Amino acid sequence: MNTTISILAEIPEELHESLKCFLDTHPAWDQDRVFSAALSLFLLQNSDGDRRASRVYLDTLFNYAA
């Protein structure tokens, strides 16, 4: 089951500018894809090896449709 949860978060202005520059130069990516990749990588690196985070990270990186 794929469930999407919306997140409203404030980020530092410098990070926002970096994100805008990245998105301007990588048209295949959007804000949701970047956040999904970043969050899943964080969880992958800081958890006990949850395979779900691995799957989401790889799916997001390679843009697989879920």
Protein backbone atom coordinates (compact mmCIF):
# COMPACT_ATOMS: atom_id res chain seq x y z
CA MET A 1 0.00 0.00 0.00
CA ASN A 2 1.41 3.39 -1.03
CA THR A 3 0.31 6.22 1.21
CA THR A 4 1.35 9.81 0.62
CA ILE A 5 1.67 12.16 3.57
CA SER A 6 2.06 15.90 3.00
CA ILE A 7 4.73 17.67 5.04
CA LEU A 8 4.99 21.39 5.59
CA ALA A 9 8.49 22.32 6.70
CA GLU A 10 10.52 25.48 7.00
CA ILE A 11 14.05 25.25 5.66
CA PRO A 12 16.93 27.73 5.83
CA GLU A 13 17.04 30.27 3.00
CA GLU A 14 20.44 28.99 1.84
CA LEU A 15 19.03 25.48 1.48
CA HIS A 16 16.02 26.84 -0.39
CA GLU A 17 18.28 28.69 -2.84
CA SER A 18 20.35 25.53 -3.38
CA LEU A 19 17.18 23.55 -4.00
CA LYS A 20 15.95 26.12 -6.54
CA CYS A 21 19.28 26.00 -8.39
CA PHE A 22 19.22 22.20 -8.43
CA LEU A 23 15.66 22.08 -9.73
CA ASP A 24 16.44 24.69 -12.40
CA THR A 25 19.26 22.54 -13.76
CA HIS A 26 17.57 19.13 -13.33
CA PRO A 27 14.15 19.28 -15.01
CA ALA A 28 13.42 15.59 -14.35
CA TRP A 29 13.36 16.32 -10.62
CA ASP A 30 10.73 18.17 -8.60
CA GLN A 31 10.58 19.28 -4.98
CA ASP A 32 8.65 16.19 -3.87
CA ARG A 33 11.17 13.84 -5.48
CA VAL A 34 14.11 15.67 -3.86
CA PHE A 35 12.53 15.55 -0.41
CA SER A 36 11.60 11.89 -0.80
CA ALA A 37 15.17 11.01 -1.81
CA ALA A 38 16.69 13.07 0.99
CA LEU A 39 14.40 11.76 3.72
CA SER A 40 14.68 8.13 2.65
CA LEU A 41 18.50 8.41 2.47
CA PHE A 42 18.57 9.93 5.96
CA LEU A 43 16.42 7.10 7.31
CA LEU A 44 18.50 4.51 5.47
CA GLN A 45 21.72 5.88 6.97
CA ASN A 46 20.35 6.35 10.49
CA SER A 47 18.11 3.36 11.04
CA ASP A 48 18.59 -0.35 11.53
CA GLY A 49 18.50 -1.12 7.79
CA ASP A 50 14.78 -0.85 7.08
CA ARG A 51 14.32 -2.25 3.58
CA ARG A 52 11.33 0.02 2.99
CA ALA A 53 13.56 3.11 3.19
CA SER A 54 16.00 1.44 0.77
CA ARG A 55 13.22 0.71 -1.70
CA VAL A 56 11.83 4.25 -1.55
CA TYR A 57 15.31 5.72 -1.94
CA LEU A 58 16.16 3.62 -5.00
CA ASP A 59 12.71 4.10 -6.55
CA THR A 60 13.04 7.85 -6.08
CA LEU A 61 16.56 8.01 -7.46
CA PHE A 62 15.72 6.04 -10.56
CA ASN A 63 12.24 7.57 -10.87
CA TYR A 64 10.32 4.29 -10.81
CA ALA A 65 6.56 4.70 -10.79
CA ALA A 66 5.10 3.12 -7.70
